[in-house]
């Protein structure tokens, strides 16, 4: 299903990011199954990336993500009606490019 991330999706995306930008010292994530999957933990450990997990119900531990989520909700999601998943993907990608330009 296109609305769920599996650990394979996370590994593919992280691989692309690490090739483009190099691996970070650590990755902070929630405790979602796609990030706590054994395959993801082992892969990150092999390349020397430490995992830092956000305590449930502690959004202050990831203020950047919470800020992004709030902006996405306030500036896009609350003002749109998405009639299809494809339309949502296009509009969200356009908003992301506006919100997060590469300098």
N, C-alpha and C. Protein backbone atom coordinates (compact mmCIF):
# COMPACT_ATOMS: atom_id res chain seq x y z
N UNK A 1 0.85 -1.18 0.00
CA UNK A 1 0.00 0.00 0.00
C UNK A 1 0.89 1.24 0.00
N UNK A 2 0.58 2.22 -0.79
CA UNK A 2 1.40 3.41 -0.96
C UNK A 2 1.38 4.34 0.25
N UNK A 3 0.51 4.11 1.19
CA UNK A 3 0.38 5.01 2.34
C UNK A 3 1.17 4.54 3.55
N UNK A 4 1.84 3.42 3.44
CA UNK A 4 2.60 2.88 4.56
C UNK A 4 4.07 2.76 4.17
N UNK A 5 4.92 3.01 5.14
CA UNK A 5 6.35 2.79 4.95
C UNK A 5 6.73 1.46 5.56
N UNK A 6 7.43 0.67 4.81
CA UNK A 6 8.00 -0.57 5.31
C UNK A 6 9.48 -0.33 5.54
N UNK A 7 10.13 -1.23 6.26
CA UNK A 7 11.55 -1.02 6.52
C UNK A 7 12.35 -1.00 5.21
N UNK A 8 11.90 -1.72 4.19
CA UNK A 8 12.60 -1.69 2.89
C UNK A 8 12.55 -0.29 2.27
N UNK A 9 11.40 0.40 2.44
CA UNK A 9 11.26 1.77 1.93
C UNK A 9 12.21 2.72 2.66
N UNK A 10 12.30 2.55 3.97
CA UNK A 10 13.20 3.39 4.77
C UNK A 10 14.65 3.15 4.35
N UNK A 11 15.03 1.90 4.19
CA UNK A 11 16.41 1.60 3.78
C UNK A 11 16.72 2.16 2.40
N UNK A 12 15.80 2.05 1.46
CA UNK A 12 16.03 2.59 0.11
C UNK A 12 16.20 4.10 0.15
N UNK A 13 15.36 4.78 0.92
CA UNK A 13 15.44 6.24 1.01
C UNK A 13 16.72 6.67 1.73
N UNK A 14 17.04 6.01 2.83
CA UNK A 14 18.27 6.35 3.56
C UNK A 14 19.51 6.10 2.70
N UNK A 15 19.51 5.03 1.95
CA UNK A 15 20.64 4.74 1.06
C UNK A 15 20.84 5.88 0.08
N UNK A 16 19.76 6.32 -0.56
CA UNK A 16 19.86 7.44 -1.51
C UNK A 16 20.37 8.70 -0.83
N UNK A 17 19.85 9.00 0.36
CA UNK A 17 20.29 10.20 1.08
C UNK A 17 21.75 10.11 1.50
N UNK A 18 22.16 8.95 1.99
CA UNK A 18 23.54 8.80 2.44
C UNK A 18 24.52 8.86 1.28
N UNK A 19 24.13 8.36 0.13
CA UNK A 19 24.99 8.46 -1.06
C UNK A 19 25.12 9.92 -1.47
N UNK A 20 24.01 10.65 -1.44
CA UNK A 20 24.02 12.05 -1.87
C UNK A 20 24.71 12.97 -0.86
N UNK A 21 24.51 12.72 0.43
CA UNK A 21 24.97 13.67 1.45
C UNK A 21 25.93 13.10 2.48
N UNK A 22 26.14 11.81 2.43
CA UNK A 22 26.97 11.15 3.44
C UNK A 22 26.12 10.78 4.64
N UNK A 23 26.55 9.75 5.36
CA UNK A 23 25.76 9.32 6.52
C UNK A 23 25.92 10.29 7.69
N UNK A 24 24.85 10.52 8.45
CA UNK A 24 24.95 11.39 9.63
C UNK A 24 25.53 10.61 10.81
N UNK A 25 25.84 11.32 11.87
CA UNK A 25 26.32 10.66 13.09
C UNK A 25 25.19 9.88 13.75
N UNK A 26 23.96 10.42 13.67
CA UNK A 26 22.82 9.72 14.26
C UNK A 26 21.54 10.08 13.52
N UNK A 27 20.53 9.27 13.76
CA UNK A 27 19.20 9.51 13.21
C UNK A 27 18.22 9.48 14.37
N UNK A 28 17.40 10.52 14.46
CA UNK A 28 16.37 10.58 15.49
C UNK A 28 15.05 10.25 14.82
N UNK A 29 14.31 9.32 15.40
CA UNK A 29 13.01 8.95 14.83
C UNK A 29 12.06 8.54 15.95
N UNK A 30 10.81 8.41 15.57
CA UNK A 30 9.86 7.88 16.53
C UNK A 30 10.04 6.36 16.60
N UNK A 31 9.21 5.72 17.34
CA UNK A 31 9.33 4.28 17.51
C UNK A 31 8.45 3.51 16.53
N UNK A 32 8.19 4.09 15.37
CA UNK A 32 7.39 3.40 14.37
C UNK A 32 8.08 2.13 13.90
N UNK A 33 7.29 1.16 13.55
CA UNK A 33 7.84 -0.15 13.20
C UNK A 33 8.84 -0.08 12.06
N UNK A 34 8.68 0.87 11.14
CA UNK A 34 9.61 0.97 10.02
C UNK A 34 11.00 1.43 10.46
N UNK A 35 11.10 2.11 11.59
CA UNK A 35 12.40 2.57 12.09
C UNK A 35 12.99 1.66 13.15
N UNK A 36 12.17 0.92 13.84
CA UNK A 36 12.72 0.02 14.86
C UNK A 36 12.92 -1.39 14.32
N UNK A 37 12.63 -1.58 13.05
CA UNK A 37 12.82 -2.90 12.43
C UNK A 37 14.27 -3.34 12.60
N UNK A 38 14.45 -4.60 12.88
CA UNK A 38 15.79 -5.16 13.08
C UNK A 38 16.68 -4.90 11.89
N UNK A 39 16.15 -5.03 10.68
CA UNK A 39 16.96 -4.81 9.47
C UNK A 39 17.49 -3.38 9.40
N UNK A 40 16.67 -2.40 9.78
CA UNK A 40 17.11 -1.00 9.77
C UNK A 40 18.17 -0.78 10.84
N UNK A 41 17.94 -1.29 12.04
CA UNK A 41 18.91 -1.11 13.13
C UNK A 41 20.25 -1.74 12.78
N UNK A 42 20.23 -2.94 12.22
CA UNK A 42 21.48 -3.62 11.86
C UNK A 42 22.21 -2.86 10.76
N UNK A 43 21.49 -2.39 9.75
CA UNK A 43 22.09 -1.66 8.64
C UNK A 43 22.74 -0.38 9.13
N UNK A 44 22.03 0.38 9.97
CA UNK A 44 22.58 1.62 10.51
C UNK A 44 23.82 1.34 11.36
N UNK A 45 23.77 0.30 12.18
CA UNK A 45 24.92 -0.05 13.02
C UNK A 45 26.13 -0.42 12.17
N UNK A 46 25.91 -1.13 11.07
CA UNK A 46 27.02 -1.53 10.19
C UNK A 46 27.75 -0.33 9.60
N UNK A 47 27.00 0.75 9.34
CA UNK A 47 27.66 1.92 8.75
C UNK A 47 27.99 2.99 9.79
N UNK A 48 27.76 2.68 11.07
CA UNK A 48 28.19 3.56 12.15
C UNK A 48 27.25 4.70 12.48
N UNK A 49 25.97 4.57 12.14
CA UNK A 49 24.99 5.61 12.46
C UNK A 49 24.25 5.18 13.72
N UNK A 50 24.23 6.06 14.72
CA UNK A 50 23.55 5.80 15.98
C UNK A 50 22.07 6.15 15.84
N UNK A 51 21.22 5.35 16.47
CA UNK A 51 19.78 5.65 16.45
C UNK A 51 19.38 6.27 17.77
N UNK A 52 18.60 7.33 17.69
CA UNK A 52 18.06 8.03 18.86
C UNK A 52 16.55 8.03 18.71
N UNK A 53 15.86 7.42 19.63
CA UNK A 53 14.41 7.31 19.52
C UNK A 53 13.71 8.34 20.38
N UNK A 54 12.61 8.86 19.87
CA UNK A 54 11.79 9.84 20.57
C UNK A 54 10.87 9.09 21.52
N UNK A 55 10.86 9.51 22.75
CA UNK A 55 9.98 8.91 23.74
C UNK A 55 8.53 9.18 23.34
N UNK A 56 7.66 8.18 23.38
CA UNK A 56 6.26 8.42 23.05
C UNK A 56 5.68 9.58 23.87
N UNK A 57 4.86 10.39 23.23
CA UNK A 57 4.20 11.56 23.84
C UNK A 57 5.21 12.63 24.27
N UNK A 58 6.34 12.72 23.56
CA UNK A 58 7.37 13.73 23.87
C UNK A 58 7.76 14.49 22.59
N UNK A 59 6.85 15.27 22.01
CA UNK A 59 7.15 15.94 20.75
C UNK A 59 8.31 16.93 20.84
N UNK A 60 8.62 17.44 22.03
CA UNK A 60 9.71 18.39 22.18
C UNK A 60 11.06 17.75 21.87
N UNK A 61 11.12 16.43 21.86
CA UNK A 61 12.37 15.76 21.52
C UNK A 61 12.68 15.82 20.03
N UNK A 62 11.72 16.24 19.24
CA UNK A 62 11.95 16.37 17.81
C UNK A 62 11.25 17.64 17.32
N UNK A 63 11.69 18.77 17.81
CA UNK A 63 11.03 20.04 17.53
C UNK A 63 11.03 20.39 16.06
N UNK A 64 12.07 19.99 15.30
CA UNK A 64 12.10 20.32 13.88
C UNK A 64 10.99 19.59 13.13
N UNK A 65 10.80 18.33 13.44
CA UNK A 65 9.74 17.56 12.80
C UNK A 65 8.37 18.10 13.19
N UNK A 66 8.20 18.41 14.47
CA UNK A 66 6.92 18.94 14.93
C UNK A 66 6.64 20.29 14.27
N UNK A 67 7.66 21.11 14.08
CA UNK A 67 7.49 22.40 13.40
C UNK A 67 7.08 22.17 11.95
N UNK A 68 7.75 21.24 11.29
CA UNK A 68 7.41 20.91 9.91
C UNK A 68 5.97 20.41 9.81
N UNK A 69 5.60 19.48 10.69
CA UNK A 69 4.24 18.94 10.66
C UNK A 69 3.20 20.03 10.87
N UNK A 70 3.47 20.95 11.80
CA UNK A 70 2.54 22.05 12.05
C UNK A 70 2.41 22.96 10.85
N UNK A 71 3.53 23.27 10.21
CA UNK A 71 3.49 24.11 9.01
C UNK A 71 2.76 23.42 7.87
N UNK A 72 3.04 22.14 7.67
CA UNK A 72 2.35 21.38 6.62
C UNK A 72 0.84 21.39 6.85
N UNK A 73 0.45 21.16 8.07
CA UNK A 73 -0.97 21.14 8.40
C UNK A 73 -1.60 22.53 8.20
N UNK A 74 -0.96 23.57 8.76
CA UNK A 74 -1.53 24.92 8.71
C UNK A 74 -1.52 25.51 7.30
N UNK A 75 -0.44 25.29 6.56
CA UNK A 75 -0.28 25.94 5.26
C UNK A 75 -0.83 25.14 4.09
N UNK A 76 -1.06 23.86 4.26
CA UNK A 76 -1.52 23.05 3.13
C UNK A 76 -2.72 22.18 3.47
N UNK A 77 -2.55 21.26 4.38
CA UNK A 77 -3.56 20.22 4.60
C UNK A 77 -4.91 20.80 5.04
N UNK A 78 -4.90 21.76 5.95
CA UNK A 78 -6.16 22.32 6.44
C UNK A 78 -6.90 23.12 5.37
N UNK A 79 -6.23 23.53 4.31
CA UNK A 79 -6.87 24.36 3.28
C UNK A 79 -7.16 23.64 1.98
N UNK A 80 -6.93 22.34 1.94
CA UNK A 80 -7.11 21.57 0.70
C UNK A 80 -8.06 20.40 0.92
N UNK A 81 -8.71 20.02 -0.15
CA UNK A 81 -9.44 18.76 -0.19
C UNK A 81 -8.74 17.93 -1.25
N UNK A 82 -8.20 16.80 -0.86
CA UNK A 82 -7.49 15.93 -1.78
C UNK A 82 -8.49 14.89 -2.31
N UNK A 83 -8.68 14.90 -3.62
CA UNK A 83 -9.64 13.99 -4.23
C UNK A 83 -9.02 12.65 -4.62
N UNK A 84 -7.70 12.57 -4.58
CA UNK A 84 -7.03 11.30 -4.87
C UNK A 84 -5.65 11.32 -4.22
N UNK A 85 -5.08 10.15 -4.08
CA UNK A 85 -3.73 10.05 -3.54
C UNK A 85 -2.75 10.72 -4.48
N UNK A 86 -2.95 10.57 -5.79
CA UNK A 86 -2.06 11.20 -6.77
C UNK A 86 -2.09 12.72 -6.63
N UNK A 87 -3.27 13.30 -6.47
CA UNK A 87 -3.37 14.75 -6.30
C UNK A 87 -2.67 15.19 -5.02
N UNK A 88 -2.85 14.45 -3.94
CA UNK A 88 -2.20 14.78 -2.68
C UNK A 88 -0.68 14.76 -2.83
N UNK A 89 -0.16 13.73 -3.52
CA UNK A 89 1.29 13.63 -3.72
C UNK A 89 1.83 14.83 -4.49
N UNK A 90 1.14 15.25 -5.54
CA UNK A 90 1.59 16.38 -6.35
C UNK A 90 1.57 17.67 -5.54
N UNK A 91 0.48 17.92 -4.84
CA UNK A 91 0.36 19.16 -4.06
C UNK A 91 1.34 19.19 -2.89
N UNK A 92 1.51 18.07 -2.23
CA UNK A 92 2.45 18.02 -1.10
C UNK A 92 3.88 18.20 -1.59
N UNK A 93 4.22 17.60 -2.71
CA UNK A 93 5.58 17.76 -3.26
C UNK A 93 5.82 19.22 -3.65
N UNK A 94 4.85 19.87 -4.25
CA UNK A 94 4.99 21.29 -4.61
C UNK A 94 5.18 22.14 -3.35
N UNK A 95 4.41 21.84 -2.31
CA UNK A 95 4.54 22.58 -1.06
C UNK A 95 5.91 22.32 -0.44
N UNK A 96 6.35 21.06 -0.46
CA UNK A 96 7.66 20.72 0.12
C UNK A 96 8.78 21.47 -0.57
N UNK A 97 8.71 21.57 -1.89
CA UNK A 97 9.74 22.31 -2.63
C UNK A 97 9.73 23.78 -2.28
N UNK A 98 8.56 24.33 -2.03
CA UNK A 98 8.46 25.74 -1.62
C UNK A 98 8.97 25.91 -0.18
N UNK A 99 8.60 24.99 0.69
CA UNK A 99 8.94 25.08 2.11
C UNK A 99 10.42 24.83 2.36
N UNK A 100 11.02 23.93 1.61
CA UNK A 100 12.36 23.46 1.91
C UNK A 100 13.28 23.64 0.71
N UNK A 101 13.53 24.88 0.28
CA UNK A 101 14.40 25.05 -0.89
C UNK A 101 15.85 24.67 -0.60
N UNK A 102 16.52 24.22 -1.63
CA UNK A 102 17.94 23.88 -1.52
C UNK A 102 18.72 25.13 -1.87
N UNK A 103 19.58 25.57 -0.94
CA UNK A 103 20.36 26.78 -1.23
C UNK A 103 21.75 26.45 -1.68
